[in-house]
Amino acid sequence: MGGVKRAAADDRVERALDRFRRVIADPAVAKYHAEAAKPTRAPTPPPPPTTTTTTTDGAAIANEIATQNDDPNVLSPPPRTISHRAEDGAATTREDARDDRASLVDALARISTGAFYSPRGGGGGGQTTMTTTTRRDARRAALGDAHVARVTRRGEPEPAYKEFWRQECAFAWGDEWDANHSGRAADDSNSNSKSKSNANAMRYFSAEDAEHRGRRKFIASTLDAFWARYVNVAWDKRHFYELIRADRACHLYYDLEYSKRANPSVSDADGRAATDALISLTLEELAREEGIKTEDGEPLRASDVVVELQSTSATKFSRHLVFKLPGAAFANAAHVGHFVRRLWKRVAETRETDPRCALLFVRKDIDDEVAATPFVDLGVYTRNRAFRVYLSSKFAKRTRLLPTHRLLRVGAGQSVPATEPDRGVFCGSLASVVDDADAARVIEYEGVGTRGAAYTGRVLRGFGGYGGGGGRGETASHTTPFAW
């Protein structure tokens, strides 16, 4: 391959030099320089007897450059018939060769770069050259990315994508962008359930930067702009998370996991059974407490509403679930957390009587005698939560989050391999993207939400405090600060 690449490089250099010579030899250029050089040429004595040859070598160009004016905008003159003293012969010294090369480089510097490119469409008899812009546009067309904002230049629109080292800077820039491009106020303090259904609305992500040892950076971007960049990141460098903002509506979501080493008797099949049990209990809870059910009054079917992704490895069973409830969403992650903890209270109370509930407890360590740790991670409902996205792995790990295609199929479904980028799966699996149709009804609970830098509601004290208060119709008796 090295020889092929070198040959290709040599071929490109030769073509460039050939084009350079053709520009120099153009009669129009020769006429232009002859006219431009006339006022500044000093009279020279007639040359001694010589033999004449036509040449385009570097010495001829250097000789011509030395006699023309110093205007940097003037092209170097074309080759012409010049004189060589007969007594010099054909031999040149090494010093002359270096001077010739320096003269050629100087002459090249005076030639406009546009002279080396054919007109658009391949006209002018030269080779058609693909510019950087043309190559970029062709790549975007191949990816089906017709909506990516261009790189900012004078007079062009601002790109809908920007990275920051601080989360609050990403939020501030994104809110300003929304205000300028969608007409919304940058600070809307009247609605905790604000949804962002506009395709051009700002979304927020974070990433563990592989070039900075996993340092977290924050991204404000539209979905189109983010996806266009995301699919071009190497698969083992994708460590991205969606940010579920504290004041935005979101879908019900779960993070399920257990250690295989601590639970050697629990197989992957048992893990899937526990996942199905949790889904069943959740849909029953939604039907009973929130009235979200089918037209027949039955709980919703998992295959209609639940997006399931997995990142199970040799040491850990892991699932992400996102519930796409028809016409309903939660006011924000705090209200999702309240719903989950209320459900978990019932699971703990009926563990002895309902076999499904017994499946939802695992061992945290191999030395634990009793399975008492929740299968559900109850700590993922915090303020501005980072939730890993489709096709990403954690920093320094290689297990990606991929669709299982077991339940609700979003995107191209099973027609596309799980590891192949699918924009439909990406958008359909985001917990933070709530359309207006999904937010027709907003599920929220009195006493639960955000008040500055604290969550309110007794149910948000953590797993140890799931045992009381904070439900619908209840008023929280105190505010529990959250440690960031």
Protein backbone atom coordinates (compact mmCIF):
# COMPACT_ATOMS: atom_id res chain seq x y z
CA MET A 1 0.00 0.00 0.00
CA GLY A 2 2.89 2.38 0.72
CA GLY A 3 4.18 2.11 -2.83
CA VAL A 4 0.72 2.72 -4.27
CA LYS A 5 0.22 5.81 -2.13
CA ARG A 6 3.64 7.19 -3.07
CA ALA A 7 2.92 6.60 -6.74
CA ALA A 8 -0.41 8.38 -6.40
CA ALA A 9 1.26 11.30 -4.63
CA ASP A 10 3.93 11.55 -7.32
CA ASP A 11 1.22 11.48 -9.96
CA ARG A 12 -0.63 14.36 -8.27
CA VAL A 13 2.57 16.42 -8.08
CA GLU A 14 3.30 15.80 -11.73
CA ARG A 15 -0.22 16.81 -12.73
CA ALA A 16 0.09 20.01 -10.68
CA LEU A 17 3.42 20.89 -12.30
CA ASP A 18 1.97 20.17 -15.71
CA ARG A 19 -0.92 22.50 -15.00
CA PHE A 20 1.53 25.12 -13.79
CA ARG A 21 3.48 24.89 -17.02
CA ARG A 22 0.32 25.22 -19.09
CA VAL A 23 -0.62 28.39 -17.19
CA ILE A 24 2.85 29.81 -17.75
CA ALA A 25 2.65 28.96 -21.45
CA ASP A 26 -0.76 30.58 -21.98
CA PRO A 27 -0.38 33.28 -24.73
CA ALA A 28 -2.84 35.57 -22.94
CA VAL A 29 -0.71 35.49 -19.82
CA ALA A 30 2.39 36.14 -21.90
CA LYS A 31 0.81 39.16 -23.52
CA TYR A 32 -0.35 40.51 -20.15
CA HIS A 33 3.11 40.28 -18.64
CA ALA A 34 4.78 41.71 -21.70
CA GLU A 35 2.58 44.79 -21.39
CA ALA A 36 3.01 45.03 -17.62
CA ALA A 37 6.76 44.66 -17.80
CA LYS A 38 7.44 47.26 -20.48
CA PRO A 39 7.54 50.43 -18.28
CA THR A 40 9.86 48.87 -15.73
CA ARG A 41 12.35 47.08 -17.96
CA ALA A 42 15.82 48.62 -18.11
CA PRO A 43 17.62 48.60 -21.46
CA THR A 44 20.06 45.74 -21.72
CA PRO A 45 23.07 45.38 -24.01
CA PRO A 46 22.75 42.93 -26.87
CA PRO A 47 23.70 39.42 -25.80
CA PRO A 48 26.84 37.70 -27.03
CA PRO A 49 26.55 35.12 -29.79
CA THR A 50 24.39 32.29 -28.51
CA THR A 51 22.50 29.23 -29.48
CA THR A 52 18.79 29.51 -28.74
CA THR A 53 16.46 26.92 -27.32
CA THR A 54 12.93 27.01 -25.96
CA THR A 55 12.74 25.90 -22.33
CA THR A 56 10.51 25.95 -19.30
CA ASP A 57 13.13 25.16 -16.69
CA GLY A 58 13.47 26.88 -13.32
CA ALA A 59 16.45 29.03 -14.40
CA ALA A 60 14.38 30.64 -17.15
CA ILE A 61 11.57 31.41 -14.75
CA ALA A 62 14.00 32.80 -12.19
CA ASN A 63 15.59 35.00 -14.85
CA GLU A 64 12.18 36.36 -15.83
CA ILE A 65 11.13 36.97 -12.22
CA ALA A 66 14.30 38.96 -11.62
CA THR A 67 13.47 41.34 -14.47
CA GLN A 68 9.82 42.03 -13.70
CA ASN A 69 8.36 44.47 -11.23
CA ASP A 70 7.70 43.52 -7.63
CA ASP A 71 3.91 43.68 -7.79
CA PRO A 72 2.75 40.54 -5.86
CA ASN A 73 -0.50 40.41 -7.82
CA VAL A 74 1.30 40.00 -11.13
CA LEU A 75 1.62 36.44 -12.39
CA SER A 76 4.99 35.08 -13.38
CA PRO A 77 5.62 35.41 -17.15
CA PRO A 78 5.28 32.47 -19.53
CA PRO A 79 8.28 30.62 -20.96
CA ARG A 80 9.93 32.30 -23.92
CA THR A 81 12.97 31.89 -26.11
CA ILE A 82 15.97 32.69 -23.95
CA SER A 83 19.68 32.67 -24.54
CA HIS A 84 22.27 30.28 -23.26
CA ARG A 85 25.93 31.07 -23.79
CA ALA A 86 27.44 28.44 -25.99
CA GLU A 87 30.51 28.14 -23.83
CA ASP A 88 28.40 27.19 -20.76
CA GLY A 89 27.34 23.96 -22.41
CA ALA A 90 24.61 21.76 -20.88
CA ALA A 91 26.34 21.25 -17.54
CA THR A 92 25.03 22.96 -14.39
CA THR A 93 26.53 22.97 -10.94
CA ARG A 94 24.77 21.79 -7.80
CA GLU A 95 24.52 25.40 -6.71
CA ASP A 96 22.69 26.31 -9.92
CA ALA A 97 20.24 23.45 -9.37
CA ARG A 98 19.39 24.78 -5.89
CA ASP A 99 18.86 28.25 -7.33
CA ASP A 100 16.59 26.82 -10.02
CA ARG A 101 14.49 24.99 -7.44
CA ALA A 102 14.20 28.12 -5.26
CA SER A 103 13.15 30.12 -8.30
CA LEU A 104 10.51 27.55 -9.20
CA VAL A 105 9.08 27.61 -5.66
CA ASP A 106 9.02 31.42 -5.76
CA ALA A 107 7.25 31.32 -9.10
CA LEU A 108 4.67 28.88 -7.77
CA ALA A 109 3.99 31.21 -4.83
CA ARG A 110 3.10 33.96 -7.29
CA ILE A 111 0.55 31.84 -9.11
CA SER A 112 -3.08 32.11 -7.94
CA THR A 113 -4.30 28.86 -6.42
CA GLY A 114 -7.33 29.02 -8.68
CA ALA A 115 -5.08 28.34 -11.65
CA PHE A 116 -4.64 24.75 -10.48
CA TYR A 117 -8.36 23.92 -10.47
CA SER A 118 -10.68 23.36 -13.36
CA PRO A 119 -13.90 25.33 -13.60
CA ARG A 120 -16.93 23.71 -11.97
CA GLY A 121 -18.33 20.92 -14.09
CA GLY A 122 -14.90 19.91 -15.41
CA GLY A 123 -14.68 22.65 -18.08
CA GLY A 124 -11.46 24.12 -19.37
CA GLY A 125 -9.98 20.82 -20.47
CA GLY A 126 -8.42 20.14 -17.05
CA GLN A 127 -9.11 17.50 -14.50
CA THR A 128 -12.19 17.97 -12.33
CA THR A 129 -11.11 18.62 -8.74
CA MET A 130 -13.40 17.84 -5.78
CA THR A 131 -13.11 20.66 -3.29
CA THR A 132 -13.54 20.22 0.45
CA THR A 133 -17.05 21.67 0.26
CA THR A 134 -18.05 19.34 -2.58
CA ARG A 135 -16.68 16.33 -0.73
CA ARG A 136 -18.53 17.31 2.46
CA ASP A 137 -21.83 17.81 0.61
CA ALA A 138 -21.48 14.45 -1.12
CA ARG A 139 -20.86 12.76 2.22
CA ARG A 140 -23.91 14.37 3.76
CA ALA A 141 -26.07 13.37 0.81
CA ALA A 142 -24.92 9.78 1.22
CA LEU A 143 -25.90 9.85 4.90
CA GLY A 144 -29.26 11.42 4.16
CA ASP A 145 -28.38 14.43 6.29
CA ALA A 146 -30.15 17.28 4.54
CA HIS A 147 -30.68 19.45 7.60
CA VAL A 148 -27.24 19.81 9.16
CA ALA A 149 -26.26 23.44 9.74
CA ARG A 150 -23.16 24.50 7.86
CA VAL A 151 -19.92 25.61 9.45
CA THR A 152 -20.27 29.25 10.41
CA ARG A 153 -18.75 31.73 7.99
CA ARG A 154 -19.51 35.36 7.38
CA GLY A 155 -23.09 35.64 6.13
CA GLU A 156 -23.96 31.99 6.84
CA PRO A 157 -26.31 30.66 9.55
CA GLU A 158 -24.98 29.77 12.97
CA PRO A 159 -24.54 25.99 13.41
CA ALA A 160 -27.06 24.30 15.69
CA TYR A 161 -24.30 22.51 17.60
CA LYS A 162 -21.82 23.62 20.24
CA GLU A 163 -19.69 21.97 22.94
CA PHE A 164 -18.84 23.29 26.40
CA TRP A 165 -16.85 22.21 29.41
CA ARG A 166 -19.55 23.47 31.79
CA GLN A 167 -23.16 22.30 31.82
CA GLU A 168 -24.67 25.68 32.67
CA CYS A 169 -22.91 27.25 29.66
CA ALA A 170 -24.50 24.67 27.36
CA PHE A 171 -27.94 25.37 28.81
CA ALA A 172 -27.49 29.15 28.54
CA TRP A 173 -26.33 28.98 24.93
CA GLY A 174 -29.10 26.55 23.99
CA ASP A 175 -31.81 28.66 25.61
CA GLU A 176 -30.55 31.72 23.75
CA TRP A 177 -30.48 29.77 20.49
CA ASP A 178 -34.07 28.61 21.07
CA ALA A 179 -35.18 32.16 21.81
CA ASN A 180 -33.56 33.46 18.62
CA HIS A 181 -34.71 30.69 16.32
CA SER A 182 -38.09 29.59 17.60
CA GLY A 183 -39.41 32.78 19.16
CA ARG A 184 -39.67 31.26 22.62
CA ALA A 185 -38.63 33.15 25.69
CA ALA A 186 -35.25 32.11 26.99
CA ASP A 187 -36.52 31.91 30.55
CA ASP A 188 -39.90 30.24 30.98
CA SER A 189 -40.39 29.79 34.70
CA ASN A 190 -44.12 29.09 34.53
CA SER A 191 -43.91 25.50 33.29
CA ASN A 192 -41.98 22.60 34.73
CA SER A 193 -43.56 20.38 32.09
CA LYS A 194 -42.29 22.33 29.13
CA SER A 195 -41.81 20.01 26.13
CA LYS A 196 -39.52 20.55 23.18
CA SER A 197 -41.35 19.09 20.18
CA ASN A 198 -39.90 21.37 17.52
CA ALA A 199 -37.44 19.47 15.34
CA ASN A 200 -35.14 22.50 15.48
CA ALA A 201 -35.29 22.82 19.26
CA MET A 202 -32.15 22.48 21.33
CA ARG A 203 -31.40 19.14 22.97
CA TYR A 204 -28.65 18.54 25.46
CA PHE A 205 -26.05 15.79 25.71
CA SER A 206 -22.85 15.06 27.54
CA ALA A 207 -19.84 13.01 26.50
CA GLU A 208 -16.82 11.47 28.15
CA ASP A 209 -14.01 12.86 26.02
CA ALA A 210 -11.55 10.11 25.13
CA GLU A 211 -8.85 12.68 24.29
CA HIS A 212 -9.07 14.17 27.79
CA ARG A 213 -9.10 10.93 29.83
CA GLY A 214 -12.86 10.79 30.08
CA ARG A 215 -13.41 14.40 31.09
CA ARG A 216 -17.08 15.28 30.73
CA LYS A 217 -18.09 17.83 28.10
CA PHE A 218 -21.59 19.16 27.44
CA ILE A 219 -23.30 19.60 24.10
CA ALA A 220 -26.19 21.80 22.98
CA SER A 221 -27.53 20.72 19.60
CA THR A 222 -30.57 19.92 17.51
CA LEU A 223 -31.19 16.23 16.92
CA ASP A 224 -30.20 16.47 13.25
CA ALA A 225 -26.92 18.25 13.95
CA PHE A 226 -26.02 15.89 16.79
CA TRP A 227 -26.83 12.72 14.82
CA ALA A 228 -24.78 13.88 11.82
CA ARG A 229 -21.70 14.12 14.04
CA TYR A 230 -22.51 11.17 16.26
CA VAL A 231 -22.58 8.58 13.45
CA ASN A 232 -19.12 9.70 12.32
CA VAL A 233 -17.52 9.03 15.72
CA ALA A 234 -15.65 5.72 15.88
CA TRP A 235 -17.74 3.09 17.63
CA ASP A 236 -15.22 2.63 20.44
CA LYS A 237 -15.04 6.40 21.02
CA ARG A 238 -18.78 6.91 21.54
CA HIS A 239 -19.34 7.70 25.22
CA PHE A 240 -22.43 9.92 24.99
CA TYR A 241 -25.38 10.59 27.29
CA GLU A 242 -28.60 12.54 26.93
CA LEU A 243 -29.26 15.17 29.60
CA ILE A 244 -32.75 15.04 31.06
CA ARG A 245 -33.14 18.65 32.14
CA ALA A 246 -34.70 19.33 35.50
CA ASP A 247 -37.41 21.62 34.10
CA ARG A 248 -38.43 19.61 31.03
CA ALA A 249 -41.00 16.91 30.43
CA CYS A 250 -39.69 13.39 29.89
CA HIS A 251 -40.81 9.81 29.43
CA LEU A 252 -40.89 7.17 32.15
CA TYR A 253 -37.54 5.37 32.12
CA TYR A 254 -35.68 2.66 34.03
CA ASP A 255 -32.06 1.61 34.45
CA LEU A 256 -31.91 -2.09 35.39
CA GLU A 257 -28.77 -3.94 36.38
CA TYR A 258 -27.20 -6.57 38.59
CA SER A 259 -23.75 -8.08 38.99
CA LYS A 260 -23.38 -11.58 37.54
CA ARG A 261 -20.51 -12.33 39.88
CA ALA A 262 -22.63 -11.48 42.91
CA ASN A 263 -25.56 -13.48 41.51
CA PRO A 264 -24.06 -16.60 39.91
CA SER A 265 -27.37 -18.47 40.11
CA VAL A 266 -29.24 -15.75 38.16
CA SER A 267 -28.97 -16.31 34.41
CA ASP A 268 -29.62 -13.90 31.57
CA ALA A 269 -32.97 -15.61 31.08
CA ASP A 270 -33.79 -14.83 34.71
CA GLY A 271 -32.79 -11.23 34.06
CA ARG A 272 -35.18 -11.03 31.11
CA ALA A 273 -37.92 -12.56 33.25
CA ALA A 274 -37.29 -9.91 35.93
CA THR A 275 -37.43 -7.21 33.25
CA ASP A 276 -40.77 -8.51 31.99
CA ALA A 277 -42.08 -8.67 35.55
CA LEU A 278 -41.16 -5.03 36.18
CA ILE A 279 -42.80 -3.95 32.92
CA SER A 280 -45.99 -5.81 33.81
CA LEU A 281 -46.12 -4.25 37.29
CA THR A 282 -45.44 -0.78 35.86
CA LEU A 283 -48.22 -1.00 33.27
CA GLU A 284 -50.64 -2.20 35.95
CA GLU A 285 -49.65 0.73 38.17
CA LEU A 286 -50.17 3.21 35.31
CA ALA A 287 -53.62 1.76 34.62
CA ARG A 288 -54.66 1.71 38.28
CA GLU A 289 -53.23 5.01 39.51
CA GLU A 290 -53.00 7.18 36.40
CA GLY A 291 -55.80 5.78 34.26
CA ILE A 292 -53.47 5.06 31.34
CA LYS A 293 -54.96 1.96 29.78
CA THR A 294 -56.40 0.51 26.59
CA GLU A 295 -59.91 1.25 25.34
CA ASP A 296 -60.96 -2.04 26.90
CA GLY A 297 -59.78 -0.90 30.31
CA GLU A 298 -56.79 -3.26 30.35
CA PRO A 299 -53.17 -2.25 30.98
CA LEU A 300 -51.21 -1.25 27.90
CA ARG A 301 -49.22 -3.91 26.07
CA ALA A 302 -45.45 -3.78 26.43
CA SER A 303 -44.95 -4.29 22.68
CA ASP A 304 -46.85 -1.04 22.06
CA VAL A 305 -45.10 1.30 24.46
CA VAL A 306 -41.78 -0.02 25.82
CA VAL A 307 -38.44 0.58 24.07
CA GLU A 308 -35.80 -1.81 25.42
CA LEU A 309 -32.04 -1.48 25.02
CA GLN A 310 -29.35 -3.66 26.56
CA SER A 311 -25.65 -3.43 27.38
CA THR A 312 -25.17 -6.78 29.08
CA SER A 313 -21.56 -7.91 29.45
CA ALA A 314 -19.80 -10.93 30.88
CA THR A 315 -19.89 -9.39 34.36
CA LYS A 316 -23.15 -7.40 34.42
CA PHE A 317 -26.73 -7.68 33.25
CA SER A 318 -28.00 -4.30 32.08
CA ARG A 319 -31.18 -2.96 30.48
CA HIS A 320 -32.61 0.49 29.72
CA LEU A 321 -36.37 0.87 29.36
CA VAL A 322 -38.22 3.91 28.00
CA PHE A 323 -42.04 3.98 28.14
CA LYS A 324 -43.64 5.89 25.24
CA LEU A 325 -47.09 6.35 26.78
CA PRO A 326 -49.79 7.44 24.31
CA GLY A 327 -50.66 11.09 24.90
CA ALA A 328 -48.92 11.31 28.28
CA ALA A 329 -45.53 12.19 29.74
CA PHE A 330 -44.11 13.10 33.13
CA ALA A 331 -43.50 16.71 34.14
CA ASN A 332 -39.80 16.01 34.72
CA ALA A 333 -37.43 13.38 36.08
CA ALA A 334 -38.36 14.17 39.70
CA HIS A 335 -41.97 13.14 39.02
CA VAL A 336 -40.78 9.96 37.31
CA GLY A 337 -38.73 9.24 40.42
CA HIS A 338 -41.80 9.72 42.61
CA PHE A 339 -43.81 7.26 40.51
CA VAL A 340 -41.02 4.65 40.58
CA ARG A 341 -40.50 4.88 44.34
CA ARG A 342 -44.21 4.63 44.99
CA LEU A 343 -44.31 1.50 42.81
CA TRP A 344 -41.25 0.12 44.59
CA LYS A 345 -42.95 0.52 47.95
CA ARG A 346 -45.74 -1.75 46.75
CA VAL A 347 -43.21 -4.20 45.27
CA ALA A 348 -41.44 -4.48 48.64
CA GLU A 349 -44.75 -4.93 50.49
CA THR A 350 -45.98 -7.73 48.19
CA ARG A 351 -42.66 -9.50 47.69
CA GLU A 352 -43.81 -12.53 49.66
CA THR A 353 -47.15 -12.88 47.91
CA ASP A 354 -46.40 -11.91 44.28
CA PRO A 355 -43.76 -14.06 42.53
CA ARG A 356 -43.06 -11.23 40.08
CA CYS A 357 -41.95 -8.96 42.91
CA ALA A 358 -39.56 -11.57 44.28
CA LEU A 359 -37.66 -11.49 40.96
CA LEU A 360 -36.85 -7.79 41.40
CA PHE A 361 -34.36 -8.20 44.25
CA VAL A 362 -30.73 -9.27 43.77
CA ARG A 363 -27.51 -9.51 45.74
CA LYS A 364 -25.15 -6.57 45.66
CA ASP A 365 -22.09 -8.58 46.76
CA ILE A 366 -21.31 -12.25 46.51
CA ASP A 367 -21.11 -12.46 50.31
CA ASP A 368 -24.69 -11.23 50.79
CA GLU A 369 -26.86 -13.96 52.27
CA VAL A 370 -30.16 -12.44 51.16
CA ALA A 371 -31.13 -10.81 47.86
CA ALA A 372 -32.17 -7.38 49.17
CA THR A 373 -30.83 -4.95 46.57
CA PRO A 374 -33.36 -3.54 44.08
CA PHE A 375 -32.99 -4.71 40.48
CA VAL A 376 -34.01 -1.12 39.58
CA ASP A 377 -31.49 1.70 39.97
CA LEU A 378 -33.47 4.20 42.05
CA GLY A 379 -30.79 6.86 41.79
CA VAL A 380 -31.26 7.87 38.14
CA TYR A 381 -34.02 10.43 38.71
CA THR A 382 -31.81 13.29 39.82
CA ARG A 383 -31.59 16.83 38.49
CA ASN A 384 -30.23 17.14 34.91
CA ARG A 385 -29.64 13.41 34.77
CA ALA A 386 -27.20 11.94 32.24
CA PHE A 387 -28.69 8.80 30.64
CA ARG A 388 -26.58 6.82 28.17
CA VAL A 389 -27.75 6.87 24.57
CA TYR A 390 -28.06 4.21 21.88
CA LEU A 391 -24.73 2.92 20.44
CA SER A 392 -22.64 4.40 23.29
CA SER A 393 -20.47 2.67 25.85
CA LYS A 394 -19.09 3.94 29.11
CA PHE A 395 -15.62 5.44 29.04
CA ALA A 396 -12.83 2.83 28.89
CA LYS A 397 -15.42 0.09 28.25
CA ARG A 398 -16.52 -1.53 25.00
CA THR A 399 -20.04 -2.78 25.70
CA ARG A 400 -22.46 -0.60 23.74
CA LEU A 401 -26.11 0.13 24.41
CA LEU A 402 -28.03 -1.69 21.66
CA PRO A 403 -31.71 -2.44 20.91
CA THR A 404 -33.07 -5.88 21.80
CA HIS A 405 -35.93 -5.73 19.25
CA ARG A 406 -38.05 -7.65 21.78
CA LEU A 407 -40.74 -5.09 22.49
CA LEU A 408 -41.64 -1.81 20.76
CA ARG A 409 -39.67 -1.50 17.54
CA VAL A 410 -38.61 2.00 16.61
CA GLY A 411 -36.70 2.99 13.51
CA ALA A 412 -36.06 0.27 10.94
CA GLY A 413 -36.60 -2.48 13.50
CA GLN A 414 -35.01 -5.85 12.77
CA SER A 415 -34.26 -4.94 9.15
CA VAL A 416 -31.09 -3.18 10.36
CA PRO A 417 -28.44 -4.95 12.47
CA ALA A 418 -28.41 -3.83 16.09
CA THR A 419 -24.91 -2.40 15.73
CA GLU A 420 -25.71 -0.44 12.55
CA PRO A 421 -26.60 3.25 13.19
CA ASP A 422 -30.34 3.84 12.87
CA ARG A 423 -31.62 7.36 13.38
CA GLY A 424 -35.11 6.11 14.18
CA VAL A 425 -33.83 3.98 17.06
CA PHE A 426 -31.75 6.88 18.32
CA CYS A 427 -34.66 9.35 18.42
CA GLY A 428 -37.18 6.77 19.59
CA SER A 429 -35.09 5.69 22.57
CA LEU A 430 -34.45 9.16 24.03
CA ALA A 431 -36.25 9.72 27.32
CA SER A 432 -35.83 13.50 27.07
CA VAL A 433 -37.56 14.00 23.69
CA VAL A 434 -41.27 14.59 24.25
CA ASP A 435 -43.51 15.69 21.39
CA ASP A 436 -46.58 17.84 21.89
CA ALA A 437 -48.75 14.80 21.15
CA ASP A 438 -47.01 12.88 23.94
CA ALA A 439 -47.41 15.81 26.34
CA ALA A 440 -51.16 16.19 25.86
CA ARG A 441 -51.40 15.02 29.46
CA VAL A 442 -48.61 15.80 31.91
CA ILE A 443 -48.28 13.53 34.95
CA GLU A 444 -47.15 15.44 38.00
CA TYR A 445 -47.55 15.23 41.77
CA GLU A 446 -48.08 17.97 44.31
CA GLY A 447 -45.01 18.65 46.38
CA VAL A 448 -42.63 17.08 43.86
CA GLY A 449 -40.45 19.14 41.58
CA THR A 450 -37.61 21.62 41.68
CA ARG A 451 -37.21 24.70 43.83
CA GLY A 452 -33.89 26.25 42.96
CA ALA A 453 -31.10 23.86 43.88
CA ALA A 454 -33.26 21.39 45.79
CA TYR A 455 -35.84 18.74 45.11
CA THR A 456 -39.02 18.89 47.11
CA GLY A 457 -41.13 16.01 48.34
CA ARG A 458 -40.43 13.40 51.00
CA VAL A 459 -40.32 10.60 48.42
CA LEU A 460 -37.08 11.96 47.00
CA ARG A 461 -34.94 11.13 50.02
CA GLY A 462 -33.56 8.02 48.32
CA PHE A 463 -34.29 4.32 48.57
CA GLY A 464 -34.26 4.35 52.36
CA GLY A 465 -37.13 6.83 52.34
CA TYR A 466 -39.50 5.18 49.91
CA GLY A 467 -41.85 4.35 52.70
CA GLY A 468 -44.02 7.40 52.88
CA GLY A 469 -45.65 10.56 51.66
CA GLY A 470 -45.42 12.79 48.68
CA GLY A 471 -48.18 11.25 46.56
CA ARG A 472 -50.96 12.92 44.67
CA GLY A 473 -52.96 15.19 46.86
CA GLU A 474 -50.28 15.24 49.54
CA THR A 475 -48.21 18.28 50.39
CA ALA A 476 -44.57 17.72 51.25
CA SER A 477 -43.77 18.77 54.80
CA HIS A 478 -40.18 19.72 54.07
CA THR A 479 -37.61 20.25 51.36
CA THR A 480 -34.77 17.77 50.98
CA PRO A 481 -31.61 19.32 49.50
CA PHE A 482 -29.84 17.26 46.88
CA ALA A 483 -26.06 16.86 46.95
CA TRP A 484 -24.73 17.57 43.47
